[in-house]
C-alpha atoms as a PDB file:
ATOM      1  CA  MET A   1       3.775  11.781 -14.922  1.00  0.00           C
ATOM      2  CA  LYS A   2       0.714  11.026 -12.835  1.00  0.00           C
ATOM      3  CA  LEU A   3      -1.731   9.361 -15.198  1.00  0.00           C
ATOM      4  CA  THR A   4      -5.356   8.704 -14.340  1.00  0.00           C
ATOM      5  CA  ARG A   5      -8.763   7.940 -15.812  1.00  0.00           C
ATOM      6  CA  TYR A   6     -11.904   9.862 -14.939  1.00  0.00           C
ATOM      7  CA  GLY A   7     -15.615   9.620 -15.631  1.00  0.00           C
ATOM      8  CA  GLN A   8     -18.424   7.163 -15.124  1.00  0.00           C
ATOM      9  CA  PRO A   9     -17.724   3.416 -15.123  1.00  0.00           C
ATOM     10  CA  GLY A  10     -17.195   2.196 -18.662  1.00  0.00           C
ATOM     11  CA  ALA A  11     -16.864   5.727 -20.042  1.00  0.00           C
ATOM     12  CA  GLU A  12     -13.611   6.894 -18.446  1.00  0.00           C
ATOM     13  CA  LYS A  13     -11.349   9.352 -20.242  1.00  0.00           C
ATOM     14  CA  PRO A  14      -7.567   9.642 -19.882  1.00  0.00           C
ATOM     15  CA  GLY A  15      -6.254  12.345 -17.591  1.00  0.00           C
ATOM     16  CA  ILE A  16      -3.082  13.616 -16.024  1.00  0.00           C
ATOM     17  CA  PHE A  17      -2.405  15.516 -12.813  1.00  0.00           C
ATOM     18  CA  ASP A  18      -0.154  18.535 -13.304  1.00  0.00           C
ATOM     19  CA  LYS A  19       2.557  19.611 -10.863  1.00  0.00           C
ATOM     20  CA  ASP A  20      -0.038  21.467  -8.773  1.00  0.00           C
ATOM     21  CA  GLY A  21      -2.341  18.453  -8.536  1.00  0.00           C
ATOM     22  CA  VAL A  22      -4.864  19.831 -11.029  1.00  0.00           C
ATOM     23  CA  LEU A  23      -6.602  17.214 -13.165  1.00  0.00           C
ATOM     24  CA  ARG A  24      -6.147  17.818 -16.896  1.00  0.00           C
ATOM     25  CA  ASP A  25      -7.774  16.151 -19.893  1.00  0.00           C
ATOM     26  CA  LEU A  26      -5.312  13.999 -21.860  1.00  0.00           C
ATOM     27  CA  SER A  27      -7.748  12.696 -24.481  1.00  0.00           C
ATOM     28  CA  ALA A  28      -6.352  14.891 -27.277  1.00  0.00           C
ATOM     29  CA  HIS A  29      -3.127  12.883 -27.070  1.00  0.00           C
ATOM     30  CA  VAL A  30      -4.121   9.313 -26.146  1.00  0.00           C
ATOM     31  CA  ALA A  31      -7.262   7.177 -26.296  1.00  0.00           C
ATOM     32  CA  ASP A  32      -6.869   5.716 -22.816  1.00  0.00           C
ATOM     33  CA  ILE A  33      -4.356   4.742 -20.134  1.00  0.00           C
ATOM     34  CA  ASN A  34      -4.182   1.241 -21.537  1.00  0.00           C
ATOM     35  CA  PRO A  35      -1.640  -1.484 -22.372  1.00  0.00           C
ATOM     36  CA  ALA A  36      -0.786   0.082 -25.734  1.00  0.00           C
ATOM     37  CA  LEU A  37       0.157   3.360 -24.069  1.00  0.00           C
ATOM     38  CA  LEU A  38       2.030   1.725 -21.197  1.00  0.00           C
ATOM     39  CA  ALA A  39       4.134  -0.244 -23.678  1.00  0.00           C
ATOM     40  CA  ASP A  40       5.368   3.032 -25.188  1.00  0.00           C
ATOM     41  CA  LEU A  41       5.007   6.046 -22.913  1.00  0.00           C
ATOM     42  CA  SER A  42       7.305   8.010 -25.233  1.00  0.00           C
ATOM     43  CA  VAL A  43       4.198   9.166 -27.099  1.00  0.00           C
ATOM     44  CA  LEU A  44       3.694  11.536 -24.163  1.00  0.00           C
ATOM     45  CA  ASP A  45       7.191  12.999 -24.388  1.00  0.00           C
ATOM     46  CA  GLY A  46       6.938  16.737 -24.716  1.00  0.00           C
ATOM     47  CA  VAL A  47       3.342  16.953 -23.537  1.00  0.00           C
ATOM     48  CA  ASP A  48       3.013  19.939 -21.192  1.00  0.00           C
ATOM     49  CA  ALA A  49       0.346  19.003 -18.656  1.00  0.00           C
ATOM     50  CA  SER A  50      -0.090  22.626 -17.608  1.00  0.00           C
ATOM     51  CA  GLY A  51      -1.269  23.485 -21.120  1.00  0.00           C
ATOM     52  CA  LEU A  52      -3.997  20.857 -21.261  1.00  0.00           C
ATOM     53  CA  PRO A  53      -7.681  21.587 -20.547  1.00  0.00           C
ATOM     54  CA  VAL A  54      -8.635  21.586 -16.875  1.00  0.00           C
ATOM     55  CA  VAL A  55     -11.223  18.976 -15.935  1.00  0.00           C
ATOM     56  CA  PRO A  56     -13.941  20.869 -14.035  1.00  0.00           C
ATOM     57  CA  GLY A  57     -15.426  19.790 -10.739  1.00  0.00           C
ATOM     58  CA  LYS A  58     -14.494  16.603  -8.954  1.00  0.00           C
ATOM     59  CA  PRO A  59     -15.273  13.741 -11.304  1.00  0.00           C
ATOM     60  CA  ARG A  60     -15.167  10.103 -10.296  1.00  0.00           C
ATOM     61  CA  LEU A  61     -11.772   8.512 -10.825  1.00  0.00           C
ATOM     62  CA  GLY A  62     -11.672   5.064 -12.361  1.00  0.00           C
ATOM     63  CA  SER A  63      -8.897   2.533 -12.111  1.00  0.00           C
ATOM     64  CA  CYS A  64      -5.772   4.292 -13.338  1.00  0.00           C
ATOM     65  CA  VAL A  65      -5.123   1.566 -15.911  1.00  0.00           C
ATOM     66  CA  ALA A  66      -7.572   0.010 -18.375  1.00  0.00           C
ATOM     67  CA  GLY A  67      -7.391  -3.415 -19.942  1.00  0.00           C
ATOM     68  CA  THR A  68      -5.529  -5.240 -17.192  1.00  0.00           C
ATOM     69  CA  GLY A  69      -5.041  -8.855 -18.216  1.00  0.00           C
ATOM     70  CA  LYS A  70      -3.519 -10.278 -15.037  1.00  0.00           C
ATOM     71  CA  PHE A  71      -3.952  -9.077 -11.462  1.00  0.00           C
ATOM     72  CA  ILE A  72      -1.208 -10.929  -9.591  1.00  0.00           C
ATOM     73  CA  CYS A  73      -0.832 -10.714  -5.820  1.00  0.00           C
ATOM     74  CA  ILE A  74       1.956 -11.638  -3.430  1.00  0.00           C
ATOM     75  CA  GLY A  75       1.026 -13.041  -0.034  1.00  0.00           C
ATOM     76  CA  LEU A  76       2.849 -12.611   3.294  1.00  0.00           C
ATOM     77  CA  ASN A  77       5.498 -10.416   1.682  1.00  0.00           C
ATOM     78  CA  PHE A  78       6.176  -8.210   4.715  1.00  0.00           C
ATOM     79  CA  SER A  79       8.142  -9.783   7.532  1.00  0.00           C
ATOM     80  CA  ASP A  80       6.121  -7.997  10.211  1.00  0.00           C
ATOM     81  CA  HIS A  81       2.813  -8.981   8.575  1.00  0.00           C
ATOM     82  CA  ALA A  82       3.873 -12.632   8.366  1.00  0.00           C
ATOM     83  CA  ALA A  83       4.636 -12.482  12.081  1.00  0.00           C
ATOM     84  CA  GLU A  84       1.203 -11.047  12.999  1.00  0.00           C
ATOM     85  CA  THR A  85      -0.535 -13.867  11.120  1.00  0.00           C
ATOM     86  CA  GLY A  86       1.617 -16.508  12.828  1.00  0.00           C
ATOM     87  CA  ASN A  87       3.111 -17.691   9.535  1.00  0.00           C
ATOM     88  CA  PRO A  88       6.788 -18.321   8.797  1.00  0.00           C
ATOM     89  CA  ILE A  89       8.626 -16.091   6.331  1.00  0.00           C
ATOM     90  CA  PRO A  90       8.067 -17.633   2.879  1.00  0.00           C
ATOM     91  CA  THR A  91      11.154 -19.189   1.279  1.00  0.00           C
ATOM     92  CA  GLU A  92       9.793 -18.062  -2.118  1.00  0.00           C
ATOM     93  CA  PRO A  93       7.114 -15.501  -2.984  1.00  0.00           C
ATOM     94  CA  ILE A  94       3.561 -16.724  -2.392  1.00  0.00           C
ATOM     95  CA  VAL A  95       1.658 -16.020  -5.600  1.00  0.00           C
ATOM     96  CA  PHE A  96      -2.103 -15.896  -6.116  1.00  0.00           C
ATOM     97  CA  MET A  97      -4.417 -14.252  -8.614  1.00  0.00           C
ATOM     98  CA  LYS A  98      -7.124 -11.675  -8.069  1.00  0.00           C
ATOM     99  CA  ALA A  99      -9.836 -11.558 -10.737  1.00  0.00           C
ATOM    100  CA  SER A 100      -9.555  -8.538 -13.006  1.00  0.00           C
ATOM    101  CA  SER A 101     -13.334  -8.145 -12.587  1.00  0.00           C
ATOM    102  CA  ALA A 102     -12.620  -7.042  -9.002  1.00  0.00           C
ATOM    103  CA  ILE A 103     -11.002  -3.809 -10.253  1.00  0.00           C
ATOM    104  CA  VAL A 104     -12.781  -0.552  -9.414  1.00  0.00           C
ATOM    105  CA  GLY A 105     -11.849   3.081  -8.936  1.00  0.00           C
ATOM    106  CA  PRO A 106      -9.956   4.276  -5.856  1.00  0.00           C
ATOM    107  CA  ASP A 107     -12.959   5.933  -4.222  1.00  0.00           C
ATOM    108  CA  ASP A 108     -15.727   3.629  -5.391  1.00  0.00           C
ATOM    109  CA  ASP A 109     -17.858   1.824  -2.830  1.00  0.00           C
ATOM    110  CA  VAL A 110     -16.651  -1.648  -1.908  1.00  0.00           C
ATOM    111  CA  ILE A 111     -19.365  -4.278  -1.751  1.00  0.00           C
ATOM    112  CA  ILE A 112     -19.301  -6.707   1.169  1.00  0.00           C
ATOM    113  CA  PRO A 113     -20.406  -9.969  -0.481  1.00  0.00           C
ATOM    114  CA  ARG A 114     -23.424 -11.950   0.655  1.00  0.00           C
ATOM    115  CA  GLY A 115     -22.563 -14.299   3.482  1.00  0.00           C
ATOM    116  CA  SER A 116     -19.371 -12.441   4.364  1.00  0.00           C
ATOM    117  CA  VAL A 117     -18.378 -12.319   8.014  1.00  0.00           C
ATOM    118  CA  LYS A 118     -14.663 -11.541   7.654  1.00  0.00           C
ATOM    119  CA  THR A 119     -14.093  -8.774   5.084  1.00  0.00           C
ATOM    120  CA  ASP A 120     -10.643  -7.284   5.699  1.00  0.00           C
ATOM    121  CA  TRP A 121      -8.360  -4.534   4.392  1.00  0.00           C
ATOM    122  CA  GLU A 122      -4.775  -4.447   3.037  1.00  0.00           C
ATOM    123  CA  VAL A 123      -2.957  -1.354   1.773  1.00  0.00           C
ATOM    124  CA  GLU A 124      -0.507  -2.411  -0.934  1.00  0.00           C
ATOM    125  CA  LEU A 125       1.931  -1.024  -3.471  1.00  0.00           C
ATOM    126  CA  ALA A 126       0.878  -2.049  -6.969  1.00  0.00           C
ATOM    127  CA  VAL A 127       3.365  -2.366  -9.824  1.00  0.00           C
ATOM    128  CA  ILE A 128       2.061  -1.765 -13.359  1.00  0.00           C
ATOM    129  CA  ILE A 129       3.931  -3.528 -16.151  1.00  0.00           C
ATOM    130  CA  GLY A 130       4.995  -1.574 -19.224  1.00  0.00           C
ATOM    131  CA  LYS A 131       7.422  -3.550 -21.356  1.00  0.00           C
ATOM    132  CA  PRO A 132       6.659  -7.300 -21.720  1.00  0.00           C
ATOM    133  CA  ALA A 133       8.750  -9.398 -19.338  1.00  0.00           C
ATOM    134  CA  LYS A 134       9.765 -13.023 -19.863  1.00  0.00           C
ATOM    135  CA  TYR A 135      12.735 -14.657 -18.122  1.00  0.00           C
ATOM    136  CA  VAL A 136      13.928 -11.227 -16.985  1.00  0.00           C
ATOM    137  CA  ALA A 137      17.008 -10.867 -14.788  1.00  0.00           C
ATOM    138  CA  GLU A 138      16.491  -9.028 -11.507  1.00  0.00           C
ATOM    139  CA  ALA A 139      19.030  -6.385 -12.559  1.00  0.00           C
ATOM    140  CA  ASP A 140      16.859  -5.529 -15.575  1.00  0.00           C
ATOM    141  CA  ALA A 141      13.431  -6.007 -14.007  1.00  0.00           C
ATOM    142  CA  LEU A 142      12.563  -2.377 -13.282  1.00  0.00           C
ATOM    143  CA  ASP A 143      13.045  -1.548 -16.978  1.00  0.00           C
ATOM    144  CA  HIS A 144       9.800  -3.467 -17.517  1.00  0.00           C
ATOM    145  CA  VAL A 145       7.796  -1.381 -15.031  1.00  0.00           C
ATOM    146  CA  ALA A 146       5.607   1.428 -16.344  1.00  0.00           C
ATOM    147  CA  GLY A 147       4.795   2.794 -12.905  1.00  0.00           C
ATOM    148  CA  TYR A 148       3.274   2.370  -9.469  1.00  0.00           C
ATOM    149  CA  CYS A 149      -0.009   3.031  -7.703  1.00  0.00           C
ATOM    150  CA  VAL A 150      -1.989   2.340  -4.537  1.00  0.00           C
ATOM    151  CA  THR A 151      -4.287  -0.642  -4.214  1.00  0.00           C
ATOM    152  CA  ASN A 152      -6.429  -2.041  -1.421  1.00  0.00           C
ATOM    153  CA  ASP A 153      -6.229  -5.838  -1.556  1.00  0.00           C
ATOM    154  CA  VAL A 154      -9.649  -6.276   0.036  1.00  0.00           C
ATOM    155  CA  SER A 155     -10.027  -9.836   1.335  1.00  0.00           C
ATOM    156  CA  GLU A 156     -12.775 -12.048   2.710  1.00  0.00           C
ATOM    157  CA  ARG A 157     -10.847 -14.201   5.190  1.00  0.00           C
ATOM    158  CA  GLU A 158     -13.445 -16.935   5.629  1.00  0.00           C
ATOM    159  CA  PHE A 159     -13.691 -17.390   1.852  1.00  0.00           C
ATOM    160  CA  GLN A 160      -9.897 -17.199   1.580  1.00  0.00           C
ATOM    161  CA  ILE A 161      -8.821 -19.516   4.391  1.00  0.00           C
ATOM    162  CA  GLU A 162     -11.713 -21.579   5.672  1.00  0.00           C
ATOM    163  CA  ARG A 163     -13.561 -22.504   2.486  1.00  0.00           C
ATOM    164  CA  GLN A 164     -10.899 -24.843   1.030  1.00  0.00           C
ATOM    165  CA  GLY A 165      -8.857 -24.415  -2.132  1.00  0.00           C
ATOM    166  CA  GLN A 166      -6.785 -21.432  -3.121  1.00  0.00           C
ATOM    167  CA  TRP A 167      -6.939 -17.866  -1.826  1.00  0.00           C
ATOM    168  CA  THR A 168      -8.403 -16.531  -5.066  1.00  0.00           C
ATOM    169  CA  LYS A 169     -12.080 -16.772  -4.116  1.00  0.00           C
ATOM    170  CA  GLY A 170     -11.513 -14.702  -0.973  1.00  0.00           C
ATOM    171  CA  LYS A 171      -9.710 -12.028  -2.967  1.00  0.00           C
ATOM    172  CA  SER A 172     -11.759 -11.714  -6.154  1.00  0.00           C
ATOM    173  CA  CYS A 173     -15.201 -10.546  -5.059  1.00  0.00           C
ATOM    174  CA  ASP A 174     -16.662  -7.693  -7.072  1.00  0.00           C
ATOM    175  CA  SER A 175     -15.067  -4.339  -6.093  1.00  0.00           C
ATOM    176  CA  PHE A 176     -12.272  -5.998  -4.052  1.00  0.00           C
ATOM    177  CA  GLY A 177      -9.550  -4.341  -6.174  1.00  0.00           C
ATOM    178  CA  PRO A 178      -9.570  -0.518  -5.935  1.00  0.00           C
ATOM    179  CA  ILE A 179      -6.653   0.826  -8.019  1.00  0.00           C
ATOM    180  CA  GLY A 180      -5.421   4.455  -8.154  1.00  0.00           C
ATOM    181  CA  PRO A 181      -5.930   7.385  -7.848  1.00  0.00           C
ATOM    182  CA  PHE A 182      -3.153   7.653 -10.423  1.00  0.00           C
ATOM    183  CA  LEU A 183      -0.333   5.707 -11.976  1.00  0.00           C
ATOM    184  CA  ALA A 184       2.953   7.420 -11.135  1.00  0.00           C
ATOM    185  CA  THR A 185       5.413   6.628 -13.907  1.00  0.00           C
ATOM    186  CA  ARG A 186       8.646   4.984 -12.835  1.00  0.00           C
ATOM    187  CA  ASP A 187      10.635   8.241 -12.946  1.00  0.00           C
ATOM    188  CA  GLU A 188       8.345   9.653 -10.228  1.00  0.00           C
ATOM    189  CA  VAL A 189       9.404   6.997  -7.684  1.00  0.00           C
ATOM    190  CA  ALA A 190      13.079   7.180  -6.734  1.00  0.00           C
ATOM    191  CA  ASP A 191      13.036   3.931  -4.740  1.00  0.00           C
ATOM    192  CA  PRO A 192      10.003   1.634  -4.547  1.00  0.00           C
ATOM    193  CA  GLN A 193      11.557   0.061  -1.437  1.00  0.00           C
ATOM    194  CA  ASP A 194      11.410   3.316   0.521  1.00  0.00           C
ATOM    195  CA  LEU A 195       7.737   4.300   0.574  1.00  0.00           C
ATOM    196  CA  LYS A 196       5.615   4.865   3.667  1.00  0.00           C
ATOM    197  CA  MET A 197       2.146   3.343   3.536  1.00  0.00           C
ATOM    198  CA  TRP A 198      -0.858   3.628   5.809  1.00  0.00           C
ATOM    199  CA  LEU A 199      -4.521   2.717   6.198  1.00  0.00           C
ATOM    200  CA  GLU A 200      -7.284   3.987   8.476  1.00  0.00           C
ATOM    201  CA  VAL A 201     -10.672   2.493   9.358  1.00  0.00           C
ATOM    202  CA  ASN A 202     -13.249   5.119  10.376  1.00  0.00           C
ATOM    203  CA  GLY A 203     -10.389   7.541  11.048  1.00  0.00           C
ATOM    204  CA  GLU A 204      -8.361   5.138  13.197  1.00  0.00           C
ATOM    205  CA  ARG A 205      -4.850   4.413  11.933  1.00  0.00           C
ATOM    206  CA  VAL A 206      -4.496   0.629  11.835  1.00  0.00           C
ATOM    207  CA  GLN A 207      -1.705   0.139   9.284  1.00  0.00           C
ATOM    208  CA  ASP A 208       1.450   2.239   9.346  1.00  0.00           C
ATOM    209  CA  GLY A 209       4.300   0.609   7.469  1.00  0.00           C
ATOM    210  CA  THR A 210       6.925   0.918   4.797  1.00  0.00           C
ATOM    211  CA  THR A 211       7.899  -0.976   1.673  1.00  0.00           C
ATOM    212  CA  ALA A 212      11.365  -1.266   3.244  1.00  0.00           C
ATOM    213  CA  THR A 213      10.116  -4.307   5.195  1.00  0.00           C
ATOM    214  CA  MET A 214       9.150  -6.237   2.065  1.00  0.00           C
ATOM    215  CA  ILE A 215      10.702  -9.703   2.069  1.00  0.00           C
ATOM    216  CA  TYR A 216      10.911  -9.709  -1.725  1.00  0.00           C
ATOM    217  CA  GLY A 217      11.314  -6.324  -3.390  1.00  0.00           C
ATOM    218  CA  VAL A 218       9.757  -5.099  -6.624  1.00  0.00           C
ATOM    219  CA  ALA A 219      12.706  -6.023  -8.863  1.00  0.00           C
ATOM    220  CA  HIS A 220      12.841  -9.536  -7.434  1.00  0.00           C
ATOM    221  CA  LEU A 221       9.089 -10.028  -7.851  1.00  0.00           C
ATOM    222  CA  VAL A 222       9.025  -8.901 -11.485  1.00  0.00           C
ATOM    223  CA  SER A 223      11.978 -11.162 -12.281  1.00  0.00           C
ATOM    224  CA  TYR A 224      10.528 -14.082 -10.297  1.00  0.00           C
ATOM    225  CA  LEU A 225       7.080 -13.921 -11.878  1.00  0.00           C
ATOM    226  CA  SER A 226       8.571 -13.608 -15.361  1.00  0.00           C
ATOM    227  CA  GLN A 227      10.126 -17.052 -14.939  1.00  0.00           C
ATOM    228  CA  PHE A 228       6.636 -18.601 -14.785  1.00  0.00           C
ATOM    229  CA  MET A 229       4.529 -16.391 -17.055  1.00  0.00           C
ATOM    230  CA  THR A 230       5.036 -13.551 -19.482  1.00  0.00           C
ATOM    231  CA  LEU A 231       4.084 -10.251 -17.896  1.00  0.00           C
ATOM    232  CA  HIS A 232       2.247  -8.016 -20.345  1.00  0.00           C
ATOM    233  CA  PRO A 233       1.668  -4.248 -20.439  1.00  0.00           C
ATOM    234  CA  GLY A 234      -1.148  -3.322 -18.081  1.00  0.00           C
ATOM    235  CA  ASP A 235      -0.660  -6.333 -15.807  1.00  0.00           C
ATOM    236  CA  VAL A 236      -0.849  -5.431 -12.110  1.00  0.00           C
ATOM    237  CA  ILE A 237       1.335  -6.912  -9.372  1.00  0.00           C
ATOM    238  CA  SER A 238       0.105  -6.187  -5.835  1.00  0.00           C
ATOM    239  CA  THR A 239       3.142  -6.627  -3.642  1.00  0.00           C
ATOM    240  CA  GLY A 240       1.841  -7.387  -0.134  1.00  0.00           C
ATOM    241  CA  THR A 241       0.781  -5.511   2.971  1.00  0.00           C
ATOM    242  CA  PRO A 242       2.372  -4.374   6.253  1.00  0.00           C
ATOM    243  CA  PRO A 243       0.927  -5.401   9.644  1.00  0.00           C
ATOM    244  CA  GLY A 244      -2.338  -4.073  11.005  1.00  0.00           C
ATOM    245  CA  VAL A 245      -4.942  -6.076   9.102  1.00  0.00           C
ATOM    246  CA  GLY A 246      -8.159  -7.019  10.867  1.00  0.00           C
ATOM    247  CA  MET A 247      -7.327 -10.724  10.873  1.00  0.00           C
ATOM    248  CA  GLY A 248      -4.202 -10.029  12.935  1.00  0.00           C
ATOM    249  CA  MET A 249      -5.960  -8.095  15.703  1.00  0.00           C
ATOM    250  CA  ASN A 250      -6.844  -9.572  19.092  1.00  0.00           C
ATOM    251  CA  PRO A 251      -9.727 -10.143  18.840  1.00  0.00           C
ATOM    252  CA  PRO A 252      -9.938 -10.043  15.021  1.00  0.00           C
ATOM    253  CA  ARG A 253     -11.845  -7.109  13.582  1.00  0.00           C
ATOM    254  CA  TYR A 254     -13.669  -7.032  10.274  1.00  0.00           C
ATOM    255  CA  LEU A 255     -15.496  -4.514   8.124  1.00  0.00           C
ATOM    256  CA  LYS A 256     -19.241  -3.899   8.193  1.00  0.00           C
ATOM    257  CA  PRO A 257     -21.599  -1.788   6.077  1.00  0.00           C
ATOM    258  CA  GLY A 258     -20.997   1.916   6.638  1.00  0.00           C
ATOM    259  CA  ASP A 259     -17.320   1.584   7.527  1.00  0.00           C
ATOM    260  CA  VAL A 260     -15.009   4.002   5.719  1.00  0.00           C
ATOM    261  CA  VAL A 261     -11.471   2.990   4.799  1.00  0.00           C
ATOM    262  CA  THR A 262      -8.841   5.519   3.736  1.00  0.00           C
ATOM    263  CA  LEU A 263      -5.344   4.549   2.642  1.00  0.00           C
ATOM    264  CA  GLY A 264      -2.311   5.927   0.887  1.00  0.00           C
ATOM    265  CA  ILE A 265       1.330   5.611  -0.051  1.00  0.00           C
ATOM    266  CA  ASP A 266       3.913   8.396  -0.157  1.00  0.00           C
ATOM    267  CA  GLY A 267       3.897  10.068  -3.563  1.00  0.00           C
ATOM    268  CA  LEU A 268       1.123   7.851  -4.907  1.00  0.00           C
ATOM    269  CA  GLY A 269      -1.959   9.532  -3.484  1.00  0.00           C
ATOM    270  CA  GLU A 270      -4.856   8.316  -1.377  1.00  0.00           C
ATOM    271  CA  GLN A 271      -7.990   6.200  -1.669  1.00  0.00           C
ATOM    272  CA  ARG A 272     -11.287   6.376   0.244  1.00  0.00           C
ATOM    273  CA  GLN A 273     -13.899   3.641   0.192  1.00  0.00           C
ATOM    274  CA  THR A 274     -17.237   3.212   1.906  1.00  0.00           C
ATOM    275  CA  PHE A 275     -18.126  -0.424   2.500  1.00  0.00           C
ATOM    276  CA  VAL A 276     -21.693  -1.336   1.630  1.00  0.00           C
ATOM    277  CA  ALA A 277     -23.874  -4.446   1.784  1.00  0.00           C
ATOM    278  CA  ASP A 278     -24.605  -6.442  -1.361  1.00  0.00           C
ATOM    279  CA  ASP A 279     -28.321  -5.957  -1.961  1.00  0.00           C
END
């Protein structure tokens, strides 16, 4: 299933894309694409998407999951990205948090915060937790995954690196967490470690990678994180980015108002954001 949420911010309704990519209204069956649903997707067993009402027009898509409690990110998790930043390969996953208030829809504008001089892009595979996970073995970890989606781990590098403290403040600005366009349930993704991913800035391809170069794969990350904290339904794990970020360019290149970023992952759809100044 390809589950989504559509409508104006704060008033999204649950939806599903049928096999032809047509958006259908799912609200007769579930209240929302939320933690309660993700904990037990069996309530959608037998639902024929092709028989549901078609959603007319092209409505705004919201984040494909509501009620996210934790937005957990993994840093320097691609060997080729670690190399472009001049950092060694981490001996354990680098973990940081992104504020859940950063979450927006996949095509919403992204706001460049006041004082920003180094706003950057990162296409990433996001893992959405379904079944609660605590002290989970790696062999069982994927049983706790509800599905996958695209996210752009937008980052302000000066805030992140040069302003002291942890990375969180450079990652958590409002709108820095576009999620969607849909959550592909786990059965839709044969191998999360074999997905092509890309990102373009103003039509120029700058990231062109694959989840095959992840240092720590999805199963390892879910197991690893569950040793430190219980993962709950609706929690998001953003798993790292391939090379091609602005910080790694020579000279570095950063986003400015009016820039358009498009990104996608095989089988998980595409996002498109216009970057705007914070008034």
